[in-house]
C-alpha cells in the first residue's frame, strides 16, 4: 500500500509550534476551516489513535504513529496518512 509523507520548514521556535499542534485531535492550527476529531474517543496524544478529517470530498484518516513532548531535535508527532472512508 502506498504511503504519503509531507514535510515543511516553519520559521518559529519548536516550542511555539508544538503548543499549537500537540493535540493531534485538533486541526484548527491549519487555518483551513476543516474539522477533525479523534475516533473511538481517544485522546489527542494517544499513539495509535486515528484522526478523521472532514474534507470537501472523501474524509481522510490519519493515524498517530508517535508522540513525544521532548522537542529537542524536532517535533515529536508522526503521522501515517490513510485516504479511505470508513
C-alpha atoms as a PDB file:
ATOM      1  CA  UNK A   1       0.000   0.000   0.000  1.00  0.00           C
ATOM      2  CA  UNK A   2       1.438   3.434  -0.914  1.00  0.00           C
ATOM      3  CA  UNK A   3       2.196   5.806   1.921  1.00  0.00           C
ATOM      4  CA  UNK A   4       2.124   9.590   1.680  1.00  0.00           C
ATOM      5  CA  UNK A   5       4.518  11.798   3.600  1.00  0.00           C
ATOM      6  CA  UNK A   6       4.772  15.565   3.914  1.00  0.00           C
ATOM      7  CA  UNK A   7       7.466  17.782   5.366  1.00  0.00           C
ATOM      8  CA  UNK A   8       7.884  21.539   5.726  1.00  0.00           C
ATOM      9  CA  UNK A   9      10.050  24.116   7.496  1.00  0.00           C
ATOM     10  CA  UNK A  10       8.288  26.534   9.860  1.00  0.00           C
ATOM     11  CA  UNK A  11      10.156  29.695  10.873  1.00  0.00           C
ATOM     12  CA  UNK A  12       9.106  29.568  14.542  1.00  0.00           C
ATOM     13  CA  UNK A  13      10.618  28.105  17.705  1.00  0.00           C
ATOM     14  CA  UNK A  14       9.788  24.407  18.100  1.00  0.00           C
ATOM     15  CA  UNK A  15       8.087  25.072  21.448  1.00  0.00           C
ATOM     16  CA  UNK A  16       5.681  27.563  19.825  1.00  0.00           C
ATOM     17  CA  UNK A  17       4.806  25.163  17.018  1.00  0.00           C
ATOM     18  CA  UNK A  18       4.406  22.234  19.425  1.00  0.00           C
ATOM     19  CA  UNK A  19       1.930  24.167  21.602  1.00  0.00           C
ATOM     20  CA  UNK A  20      -0.197  24.759  18.505  1.00  0.00           C
ATOM     21  CA  UNK A  21      -0.153  21.231  17.068  1.00  0.00           C
ATOM     22  CA  UNK A  22       0.459  18.990  20.098  1.00  0.00           C
ATOM     23  CA  UNK A  23      -3.153  17.783  20.282  1.00  0.00           C
ATOM     24  CA  UNK A  24      -3.490  15.516  17.248  1.00  0.00           C
ATOM     25  CA  UNK A  25      -7.279  15.736  17.555  1.00  0.00           C
ATOM     26  CA  UNK A  26      -7.360  19.427  16.681  1.00  0.00           C
ATOM     27  CA  UNK A  27      -6.760  20.793  13.197  1.00  0.00           C
ATOM     28  CA  UNK A  28      -7.645  24.460  13.748  1.00  0.00           C
ATOM     29  CA  UNK A  29      -3.939  25.403  13.633  1.00  0.00           C
ATOM     30  CA  UNK A  30      -4.009  24.723   9.872  1.00  0.00           C
ATOM     31  CA  UNK A  31      -6.300  27.713   9.277  1.00  0.00           C
ATOM     32  CA  UNK A  32      -8.314  25.805   6.671  1.00  0.00           C
ATOM     33  CA  UNK A  33     -11.658  25.660   8.468  1.00  0.00           C
ATOM     34  CA  UNK A  34     -11.523  21.868   8.094  1.00  0.00           C
ATOM     35  CA  UNK A  35     -12.828  19.971  11.112  1.00  0.00           C
ATOM     36  CA  UNK A  36     -11.177  16.964  12.714  1.00  0.00           C
ATOM     37  CA  UNK A  37     -11.984  14.556  15.520  1.00  0.00           C
ATOM     38  CA  UNK A  38     -10.368  11.574  17.176  1.00  0.00           C
ATOM     39  CA  UNK A  39     -12.092   8.254  16.556  1.00  0.00           C
ATOM     40  CA  UNK A  40     -13.230   5.958  19.389  1.00  0.00           C
ATOM     41  CA  UNK A  41     -12.936   8.721  21.996  1.00  0.00           C
ATOM     42  CA  UNK A  42      -9.122   8.547  22.025  1.00  0.00           C
ATOM     43  CA  UNK A  43      -7.134  11.444  23.453  1.00  0.00           C
ATOM     44  CA  UNK A  44      -5.251  13.727  21.063  1.00  0.00           C
ATOM     45  CA  UNK A  45      -1.908  12.388  22.304  1.00  0.00           C
ATOM     46  CA  UNK A  46      -2.813   8.664  22.169  1.00  0.00           C
ATOM     47  CA  UNK A  47      -0.309   6.839  19.967  1.00  0.00           C
ATOM     48  CA  UNK A  48      -2.236   4.678  17.521  1.00  0.00           C
ATOM     49  CA  UNK A  49      -5.266   6.971  17.691  1.00  0.00           C
ATOM     50  CA  UNK A  50      -6.950   7.871  14.418  1.00  0.00           C
ATOM     51  CA  UNK A  51      -7.905  11.419  13.475  1.00  0.00           C
ATOM     52  CA  UNK A  52     -10.747  11.770  10.959  1.00  0.00           C
ATOM     53  CA  UNK A  53     -10.525  14.945   8.885  1.00  0.00           C
ATOM     54  CA  UNK A  54     -13.637  16.277   7.183  1.00  0.00           C
ATOM     55  CA  UNK A  55     -12.751  17.349   3.651  1.00  0.00           C
ATOM     56  CA  UNK A  56     -14.814  18.614   0.729  1.00  0.00           C
ATOM     57  CA  UNK A  57     -14.610  15.137  -0.791  1.00  0.00           C
ATOM     58  CA  UNK A  58     -13.924  11.841   0.896  1.00  0.00           C
ATOM     59  CA  UNK A  59     -12.886  12.109   4.582  1.00  0.00           C
ATOM     60  CA  UNK A  60      -9.237  11.432   5.364  1.00  0.00           C
ATOM     61  CA  UNK A  61      -7.998   9.377   8.292  1.00  0.00           C
ATOM     62  CA  UNK A  62      -4.589   9.810   9.896  1.00  0.00           C
ATOM     63  CA  UNK A  63      -3.018   7.524  12.500  1.00  0.00           C
ATOM     64  CA  UNK A  64      -0.714   8.986  15.151  1.00  0.00           C
ATOM     65  CA  UNK A  65       2.452   6.869  14.963  1.00  0.00           C
ATOM     66  CA  UNK A  66       4.493   8.567  17.695  1.00  0.00           C
ATOM     67  CA  UNK A  67       4.067  11.395  20.168  1.00  0.00           C
ATOM     68  CA  UNK A  68       6.624  12.958  22.469  1.00  0.00           C
ATOM     69  CA  UNK A  69       6.859  16.198  24.405  1.00  0.00           C
ATOM     70  CA  UNK A  70      10.667  16.051  24.082  1.00  0.00           C
ATOM     71  CA  UNK A  71      11.203  18.595  21.301  1.00  0.00           C
ATOM     72  CA  UNK A  72      14.972  18.939  21.477  1.00  0.00           C
ATOM     73  CA  UNK A  73      15.652  17.963  17.861  1.00  0.00           C
ATOM     74  CA  UNK A  74      12.278  18.487  16.284  1.00  0.00           C
ATOM     75  CA  UNK A  75       8.608  17.836  16.706  1.00  0.00           C
ATOM     76  CA  UNK A  76       7.536  14.515  18.146  1.00  0.00           C
ATOM     77  CA  UNK A  77       4.434  13.803  16.084  1.00  0.00           C
ATOM     78  CA  UNK A  78       4.490  11.115  13.426  1.00  0.00           C
ATOM     79  CA  UNK A  79       1.574  10.565  11.085  1.00  0.00           C
ATOM     80  CA  UNK A  80       0.627   7.825   8.698  1.00  0.00           C
ATOM     81  CA  UNK A  81      -1.814   9.106   6.102  1.00  0.00           C
ATOM     82  CA  UNK A  82      -4.695   6.894   5.072  1.00  0.00           C
ATOM     83  CA  UNK A  83      -7.077   8.137   2.396  1.00  0.00           C
ATOM     84  CA  UNK A  84     -10.075   5.901   2.762  1.00  0.00           C
ATOM     85  CA  UNK A  85     -13.601   6.210   4.043  1.00  0.00           C
ATOM     86  CA  UNK A  86     -14.857   4.036   6.800  1.00  0.00           C
END
